[in-house]
Amino acid sequence: MKNIEFFRFLPGGANGKTASGLIKLVNTLLKEYRVYGTVKKDGFPAYAEIAEAKELDLFSTPTHLSAKQFLFPPKETLLRYDIRHHLHEAVIESEKQAIVGLHPCDIHAIALMDEVWAYGRPDANYLSRRENTLLVGADCMPDEYCFCQSLGTMTVDDGFDIFLHKIKKGFLVRTASKKGEEIIAGLRLREAKPSEIKELEERERIREASFKARLDAPPKELPGIYAKSNDSPVWDRIGSICTGCGSCNTVCPTCYCFDIKDEVKPNLSEGERVRVWDGCTLEDFAKVAGGHNFRKTRSERLRHRFNRKFRYLTDRFGMLFCVGCGRCSRACLVKINITEVTNEIIRESNKRRA
């Protein structure tokens, strides 16, 4: 982490739920923003709108769904029209919002989405929401599925406004934007003590040593490895058990494919053009007029998805589109594990080179 000398201390309990400093921060945000944060829903970590700080629960492991939904909603109206009266109106719905509890991997994912939606013809809907969104990060501890350490997304130095690091007696706070600095300055926090920074550094060492899931090749080699994997037997093997449910696409923080649909009212004159999430593992995703499907089998669709994460998009953006959050592995009904599949592809590559 850079600039550790700029840490400030936010007081309160280490559980992050009733900390006095956290209450003060959330109350400050509520004055200006609609606040979404991590909460416990049906016993699981999830994002939801909060009205007070006591609803917030800063989980050490990822939420099942990412925060992508607040910037790129599952369904949104792009256009309203009335054919009879020759009227049409572009719709851009955006409000000031703060997202609290983002882990480093998810902050990296949002940075990737920023690149996507600004590329070529900029998407006004996404970019308007992003402009009005404040990001508050929180540190984490890996579970059996996390592998962000292998992809260089375990820590983050920018792309957020405020970041909270847990220590025994509260939090150490970093800022990475002018707006974040203004909010923290208003809380009048003291600078972190050397002993508190030392405690955080020890916690980071423990965190780094806690990863169970790891990739067996460095990130820079993965595009080349995947480029030679088209004929790998792994695709038929996992394709034979895949249900094609699309859960991996839904939970992924960097999947951004969508479909456009017209929803016409019964009068057949008025309607809305809406954008809805789509996914490359769904059967109809690559189907075109006439019934031809460019990726007929589940093995072909899975191969495409893995290549999207580790190969294809590096040509356009120069970055991998997997951040190591492990959500796809957690959500998969048949236990297809992204680290295990990738390590199998890596082993096959090593055998070819031997």
Protein backbone atom coordinates (compact mmCIF):
# COMPACT_ATOMS: atom_id res chain seq x y z
CA MET A 1 0.00 0.00 0.00
CA LYS A 2 1.25 3.45 -0.87
CA ASN A 3 1.30 6.54 1.34
CA ILE A 4 0.81 4.73 4.63
CA GLU A 5 1.95 7.89 6.41
CA PHE A 6 -1.42 9.41 5.48
CA PHE A 7 -3.50 6.90 7.45
CA ARG A 8 -5.94 8.40 9.94
CA PHE A 9 -7.67 6.69 12.84
CA LEU A 10 -11.43 6.15 12.94
CA PRO A 11 -12.44 4.98 16.44
CA GLY A 12 -14.78 2.17 17.36
CA GLY A 13 -15.14 -1.58 17.83
CA ALA A 14 -13.33 -3.99 15.55
CA ASN A 15 -16.54 -5.72 14.46
CA GLY A 16 -17.32 -2.70 12.31
CA LYS A 17 -21.02 -2.78 13.17
CA THR A 18 -21.51 -0.30 16.02
CA ALA A 19 -18.20 1.57 15.85
CA SER A 20 -18.73 5.18 16.88
CA GLY A 21 -16.50 6.50 14.11
CA LEU A 22 -18.26 4.38 11.52
CA ILE A 23 -21.62 5.75 12.67
CA LYS A 24 -20.28 9.26 12.22
CA LEU A 25 -18.99 8.47 8.72
CA VAL A 26 -22.23 6.82 7.58
CA ASN A 27 -24.33 9.67 9.03
CA THR A 28 -22.19 12.12 7.08
CA LEU A 29 -22.74 10.17 3.86
CA LEU A 30 -26.51 9.92 4.45
CA LYS A 31 -26.79 13.70 4.39
CA GLU A 32 -25.67 13.84 0.77
CA TYR A 33 -26.01 10.36 -0.72
CA ARG A 34 -28.31 7.41 -1.04
CA VAL A 35 -26.18 4.86 0.80
CA TYR A 36 -25.79 1.19 -0.11
CA GLY A 37 -23.69 -1.08 2.03
CA THR A 38 -22.96 -4.64 2.99
CA VAL A 39 -25.62 -6.21 5.22
CA LYS A 40 -26.60 -9.70 6.30
CA LYS A 41 -29.54 -10.94 4.25
CA ASP A 42 -30.93 -14.42 4.99
CA GLY A 43 -27.67 -15.15 6.73
CA PHE A 44 -25.48 -14.20 3.75
CA PRO A 45 -23.48 -11.06 2.90
CA ALA A 46 -25.29 -8.81 0.44
CA TYR A 47 -25.56 -5.20 -0.67
CA ALA A 48 -28.67 -3.24 0.26
CA GLU A 49 -29.73 0.34 0.87
CA ILE A 50 -29.17 1.38 4.46
CA ALA A 51 -30.86 4.14 6.46
CA GLU A 52 -28.54 4.04 9.47
CA ALA A 53 -25.09 2.81 10.37
CA LYS A 54 -26.21 -0.08 12.58
CA GLU A 55 -27.54 -1.89 9.48
CA LEU A 56 -24.02 -2.03 8.04
CA ASP A 57 -21.91 -5.15 8.46
CA LEU A 58 -18.41 -4.99 6.98
CA PHE A 59 -17.87 -8.60 5.94
CA SER A 60 -14.41 -10.07 5.52
CA THR A 61 -15.56 -12.28 2.61
CA PRO A 62 -17.26 -11.16 -0.65
CA THR A 63 -20.96 -10.59 -1.11
CA HIS A 64 -22.62 -13.16 -3.38
CA LEU A 65 -23.63 -10.44 -5.84
CA SER A 66 -21.21 -7.65 -6.68
CA ALA A 67 -21.88 -3.92 -6.51
CA LYS A 68 -22.02 -3.81 -10.32
CA GLN A 69 -25.82 -3.56 -10.06
CA PHE A 70 -25.63 0.02 -8.74
CA LEU A 71 -23.75 1.26 -11.81
CA PHE A 72 -25.07 -1.15 -14.45
CA PRO A 73 -28.56 -2.23 -13.30
CA PRO A 74 -29.97 -5.65 -14.29
CA LYS A 75 -32.72 -3.75 -16.12
CA GLU A 76 -32.81 -0.08 -17.08
CA THR A 77 -34.83 2.11 -19.41
CA LEU A 78 -32.80 3.77 -22.17
CA LEU A 79 -35.58 5.34 -24.23
CA ARG A 80 -39.29 6.18 -23.97
CA TYR A 81 -41.28 6.72 -27.14
CA ASP A 82 -44.73 7.40 -28.55
CA ILE A 83 -44.92 6.42 -32.21
CA ARG A 84 -48.34 7.94 -32.75
CA HIS A 85 -47.14 11.41 -31.71
CA HIS A 86 -43.63 11.03 -33.13
CA LEU A 87 -42.07 11.50 -29.70
CA HIS A 88 -39.00 9.91 -28.18
CA GLU A 89 -36.96 10.74 -25.09
CA ALA A 90 -33.60 9.38 -23.98
CA VAL A 91 -33.63 8.32 -20.34
CA ILE A 92 -30.63 8.73 -18.05
CA GLU A 93 -31.52 7.94 -14.45
CA SER A 94 -28.79 8.86 -12.00
CA GLU A 95 -28.64 10.01 -8.39
CA LYS A 96 -25.92 10.61 -5.83
CA GLN A 97 -25.08 7.31 -4.19
CA ALA A 98 -22.39 5.89 -1.93
CA ILE A 99 -21.38 2.22 -1.89
CA VAL A 100 -19.80 1.13 1.40
CA GLY A 101 -17.88 -2.09 2.02
CA LEU A 102 -16.20 -2.67 -1.34
CA HIS A 103 -13.25 -5.05 -1.23
CA PRO A 104 -10.09 -4.36 -3.27
CA CYS A 105 -11.07 -6.87 -5.98
CA ASP A 106 -14.40 -5.11 -6.49
CA ILE A 107 -12.74 -1.71 -6.69
CA HIS A 108 -10.47 -3.11 -9.41
CA ALA A 109 -13.58 -4.51 -11.14
CA ILE A 110 -15.27 -1.10 -11.15
CA ALA A 111 -12.11 0.41 -12.67
CA LEU A 112 -12.36 -2.18 -15.47
CA MET A 113 -16.04 -1.35 -16.01
CA ASP A 114 -15.12 2.34 -16.19
CA GLU A 115 -12.80 1.49 -19.09
CA VAL A 116 -15.46 -0.56 -20.86
CA TRP A 117 -18.23 2.01 -20.72
CA ALA A 118 -15.94 4.91 -21.72
CA TYR A 119 -14.50 3.00 -24.68
CA GLY A 120 -15.53 3.96 -28.22
CA ARG A 121 -18.91 5.64 -27.95
CA PRO A 122 -19.15 6.47 -24.21
CA ASP A 123 -22.23 5.11 -22.45
CA ALA A 124 -24.02 8.09 -20.89
CA ASN A 125 -26.12 5.98 -18.53
CA TYR A 126 -23.21 4.19 -16.86
CA LEU A 127 -20.91 7.20 -16.82
CA SER A 128 -23.57 9.45 -15.28
CA ARG A 129 -24.09 6.98 -12.44
CA ARG A 130 -20.35 6.57 -11.99
CA GLU A 131 -19.87 10.32 -11.76
CA ASN A 132 -22.46 10.46 -8.99
CA THR A 133 -21.09 7.49 -7.03
CA LEU A 134 -18.80 7.58 -4.01
CA LEU A 135 -16.83 4.38 -3.32
CA VAL A 136 -15.93 3.37 0.23
CA GLY A 137 -13.67 0.33 0.41
CA ALA A 138 -13.10 -2.07 3.29
CA ASP A 139 -10.40 -4.68 3.77
CA CYS A 140 -11.04 -8.41 3.77
CA MET A 141 -9.73 -11.88 4.52
CA PRO A 142 -9.76 -14.61 1.84
CA ASP A 143 -11.98 -17.67 1.91
CA GLU A 144 -11.42 -20.91 0.00
CA TYR A 145 -12.45 -19.31 -3.33
CA CYS A 146 -10.59 -15.97 -3.27
CA PHE A 147 -7.52 -15.80 -5.51
CA CYS A 148 -7.01 -12.06 -5.98
CA GLN A 149 -3.44 -12.42 -4.74
CA SER A 150 -2.62 -14.35 -7.94
CA LEU A 151 -3.93 -11.55 -10.14
CA GLY A 152 -2.45 -8.51 -8.38
CA THR A 153 -5.82 -7.27 -7.15
CA MET A 154 -5.35 -8.07 -3.46
CA THR A 155 -4.64 -4.43 -2.67
CA VAL A 156 -5.71 -1.16 -4.24
CA ASP A 157 -4.13 2.29 -4.21
CA ASP A 158 -6.64 4.28 -6.24
CA GLY A 159 -10.07 3.99 -7.83
CA PHE A 160 -11.84 4.59 -4.49
CA ASP A 161 -12.74 7.66 -2.46
CA ILE A 162 -12.33 6.29 1.08
CA PHE A 163 -10.86 3.02 2.30
CA LEU A 164 -11.29 1.47 5.77
CA HIS A 165 -8.77 -0.93 7.31
CA LYS A 166 -9.81 -2.80 10.46
CA ILE A 167 -7.58 -2.80 13.52
CA LYS A 168 -8.42 -3.83 17.08
CA LYS A 169 -9.70 -0.44 18.25
CA GLY A 170 -11.31 0.83 15.06
CA PHE A 171 -10.18 1.57 11.53
CA LEU A 172 -7.29 3.18 9.73
CA VAL A 173 -8.54 5.36 6.88
CA ARG A 174 -7.08 6.22 3.47
CA THR A 175 -8.46 8.58 0.85
CA ALA A 176 -7.82 8.61 -2.90
CA SER A 177 -9.98 11.46 -4.17
CA LYS A 178 -10.71 15.07 -3.40
CA LYS A 179 -14.27 14.24 -2.40
CA GLY A 180 -13.13 11.47 -0.09
CA GLU A 181 -10.58 13.79 1.50
CA GLU A 182 -13.24 16.44 2.10
CA ILE A 183 -15.50 13.94 3.86
CA ILE A 184 -12.71 12.58 6.09
CA ALA A 185 -11.42 16.08 6.84
CA GLY A 186 -14.90 16.93 8.14
CA LEU A 187 -14.67 14.08 10.65
CA ARG A 188 -11.53 15.63 12.22
CA LEU A 189 -9.66 12.36 12.67
CA ARG A 190 -6.20 12.15 14.18
CA GLU A 191 -3.24 10.68 12.32
CA ALA A 192 -2.52 7.00 12.84
CA LYS A 193 0.08 6.07 15.41
CA PRO A 194 3.15 4.01 14.39
CA SER A 195 1.87 1.14 16.56
CA GLU A 196 -1.47 1.16 14.68
CA ILE A 197 0.26 1.10 11.31
CA LYS A 198 2.44 -1.75 12.54
CA GLU A 199 -0.71 -3.64 13.60
CA LEU A 200 -2.19 -3.16 10.13
CA GLU A 201 1.01 -4.33 8.44
CA GLU A 202 0.93 -7.51 10.55
CA ARG A 203 -2.72 -8.05 9.61
CA GLU A 204 -1.78 -7.70 5.94
CA ARG A 205 0.96 -10.32 6.31
CA ILE A 206 -1.53 -12.71 7.88
CA ARG A 207 -4.00 -11.98 5.10
CA GLU A 208 -1.45 -12.65 2.37
CA ALA A 209 -0.51 -15.98 3.93
CA SER A 210 -4.17 -17.04 4.23
CA PHE A 211 -4.90 -17.63 0.54
CA LYS A 212 -5.83 -21.22 -0.26
CA ALA A 213 -6.73 -20.74 -3.93
CA ARG A 214 -3.84 -19.72 -6.18
CA LEU A 215 -3.04 -19.73 -9.89
CA ASP A 216 0.09 -21.55 -10.99
CA ALA A 217 1.20 -18.93 -13.53
CA PRO A 218 1.69 -15.15 -13.39
CA PRO A 219 -1.09 -12.94 -14.83
CA LYS A 220 0.99 -11.76 -17.80
CA GLU A 221 1.30 -15.35 -19.09
CA LEU A 222 -2.41 -16.23 -18.93
CA PRO A 223 -3.51 -14.68 -22.28
CA GLY A 224 -0.86 -16.70 -24.14
CA ILE A 225 -1.71 -19.87 -22.23
CA TYR A 226 -5.41 -19.54 -22.98
CA ALA A 227 -4.68 -18.75 -26.65
CA LYS A 228 -3.41 -22.33 -27.05
CA SER A 229 -6.19 -24.00 -25.07
CA ASN A 230 -8.95 -24.22 -27.69
CA ASP A 231 -8.60 -27.98 -28.10
CA SER A 232 -8.17 -28.73 -24.41
CA PRO A 233 -10.26 -31.66 -23.10
CA VAL A 234 -11.13 -29.53 -20.07
CA TRP A 235 -13.87 -27.75 -22.06
CA ASP A 236 -15.77 -30.94 -22.89
CA ARG A 237 -15.34 -32.15 -19.32
CA ILE A 238 -16.82 -29.07 -17.64
CA GLY A 239 -19.30 -28.58 -20.50
CA SER A 240 -20.75 -32.01 -19.76
CA ILE A 241 -21.73 -30.97 -16.22
CA CYS A 242 -22.59 -27.29 -16.79
CA THR A 243 -26.32 -26.58 -16.48
CA GLY A 244 -26.15 -23.38 -18.54
CA CYS A 245 -27.87 -21.45 -15.74
CA GLY A 246 -25.82 -18.27 -16.20
CA SER A 247 -25.07 -17.85 -12.49
CA CYS A 248 -21.39 -17.20 -13.23
CA ASN A 249 -22.31 -14.30 -15.52
CA THR A 250 -24.77 -12.86 -13.02
CA VAL A 251 -22.42 -12.79 -10.03
CA CYS A 252 -19.30 -11.70 -11.95
CA PRO A 253 -18.34 -8.05 -11.28
CA THR A 254 -16.83 -7.62 -14.76
CA CYS A 255 -19.41 -9.30 -17.02
CA TYR A 256 -21.11 -6.51 -18.93
CA CYS A 257 -23.01 -8.16 -21.81
CA PHE A 258 -26.59 -7.03 -22.30
CA ASP A 259 -29.62 -7.37 -24.55
CA ILE A 260 -31.89 -4.58 -25.80
CA LYS A 261 -35.65 -5.11 -25.80
CA ASP A 262 -38.70 -3.03 -26.65
CA GLU A 263 -41.55 -3.19 -24.15
CA VAL A 264 -44.63 -1.89 -25.94
CA LYS A 265 -47.84 -0.92 -24.18
CA PRO A 266 -51.19 -2.48 -25.20
CA ASN A 267 -52.01 0.57 -27.35
CA LEU A 268 -49.09 -0.45 -29.62
CA SER A 269 -47.96 3.17 -29.76
CA GLU A 270 -46.13 3.89 -26.53
CA GLY A 271 -43.25 1.92 -25.14
CA GLU A 272 -39.82 1.75 -23.61
CA ARG A 273 -36.53 0.46 -24.89
CA VAL A 274 -34.77 -1.33 -22.05
CA ARG A 275 -31.34 -2.80 -21.46
CA VAL A 276 -31.16 -6.07 -19.54
CA TRP A 277 -28.26 -8.25 -18.45
CA ASP A 278 -27.33 -11.13 -20.73
CA GLY A 279 -24.72 -13.84 -20.39
CA CYS A 280 -22.44 -15.76 -22.74
CA THR A 281 -23.16 -19.08 -20.99
CA LEU A 282 -26.87 -18.86 -21.86
CA GLU A 283 -28.00 -20.96 -24.82
CA ASP A 284 -29.54 -18.13 -26.85
CA PHE A 285 -26.69 -15.65 -26.36
CA ALA A 286 -24.94 -16.39 -29.68
CA LYS A 287 -28.09 -17.36 -31.59
CA VAL A 288 -28.94 -15.21 -34.62
CA ALA A 289 -31.82 -14.92 -37.08
CA GLY A 290 -32.50 -18.19 -38.86
CA GLY A 291 -31.70 -20.19 -35.76
CA HIS A 292 -27.95 -20.44 -36.29
CA ASN A 293 -25.99 -20.55 -33.04
CA PHE A 294 -22.30 -19.63 -33.15
CA ARG A 295 -21.70 -21.47 -29.88
CA LYS A 296 -24.10 -24.41 -29.83
CA THR A 297 -22.61 -26.42 -26.98
CA ARG A 298 -22.08 -25.60 -23.33
CA SER A 299 -18.41 -26.47 -23.68
CA GLU A 300 -18.04 -23.83 -26.41
CA ARG A 301 -19.85 -21.27 -24.27
CA LEU A 302 -17.70 -21.99 -21.22
CA ARG A 303 -14.54 -21.80 -23.29
CA HIS A 304 -15.67 -18.41 -24.55
CA ARG A 305 -16.39 -17.12 -21.04
CA PHE A 306 -13.01 -18.19 -19.66
CA ASN A 307 -11.25 -16.60 -22.63
CA ARG A 308 -13.18 -13.38 -22.05
CA LYS A 309 -11.81 -13.24 -18.52
CA PHE A 310 -8.20 -14.18 -19.28
CA ARG A 311 -7.49 -13.47 -22.95
CA TYR A 312 -9.83 -11.71 -25.38
CA LEU A 313 -10.24 -8.37 -23.60
CA THR A 314 -6.52 -7.94 -22.99
CA ASP A 315 -6.22 -7.15 -26.71
CA ARG A 316 -8.58 -4.20 -26.31
CA PHE A 317 -7.92 -2.95 -22.79
CA GLY A 318 -4.54 -4.43 -21.89
CA MET A 319 -5.92 -5.97 -18.69
CA LEU A 320 -7.32 -9.29 -17.53
CA PHE A 321 -11.05 -9.19 -16.83
CA CYS A 322 -10.94 -11.51 -13.84
CA VAL A 323 -10.23 -9.89 -10.46
CA GLY A 324 -10.03 -13.10 -8.43
CA CYS A 325 -13.16 -12.59 -6.31
CA GLY A 326 -14.14 -16.26 -6.70
CA ARG A 327 -17.87 -15.49 -7.01
CA CYS A 328 -18.37 -17.71 -10.05
CA SER A 329 -16.92 -20.69 -8.19
CA ARG A 330 -19.09 -20.02 -5.11
CA ALA A 331 -22.26 -19.69 -7.18
CA CYS A 332 -21.75 -22.63 -9.56
CA LEU A 333 -24.38 -25.32 -8.97
CA VAL A 334 -22.06 -28.07 -10.22
CA LYS A 335 -18.86 -26.77 -8.59
CA ILE A 336 -16.95 -25.64 -11.66
CA ASN A 337 -14.04 -23.81 -10.07
CA ILE A 338 -12.29 -21.06 -12.01
CA THR A 339 -8.92 -21.56 -10.31
CA GLU A 340 -8.97 -25.34 -10.78
CA VAL A 341 -9.91 -25.01 -14.46
CA THR A 342 -7.24 -22.37 -15.09
CA ASN A 343 -4.56 -24.43 -13.31
CA GLU A 344 -5.51 -27.42 -15.46
CA ILE A 345 -5.07 -25.28 -18.57
CA ILE A 346 -1.71 -24.10 -17.18
CA ARG A 347 -0.55 -27.70 -16.57
CA GLU A 348 -1.45 -28.64 -20.14
CA SER A 349 0.58 -25.66 -21.38
CA ASN A 350 3.56 -26.67 -19.29
CA LYS A 351 3.42 -30.22 -20.70
CA ARG A 352 3.44 -28.88 -24.26
CA ARG A 353 6.54 -26.83 -23.52
CA ALA A 354 8.34 -29.66 -21.71
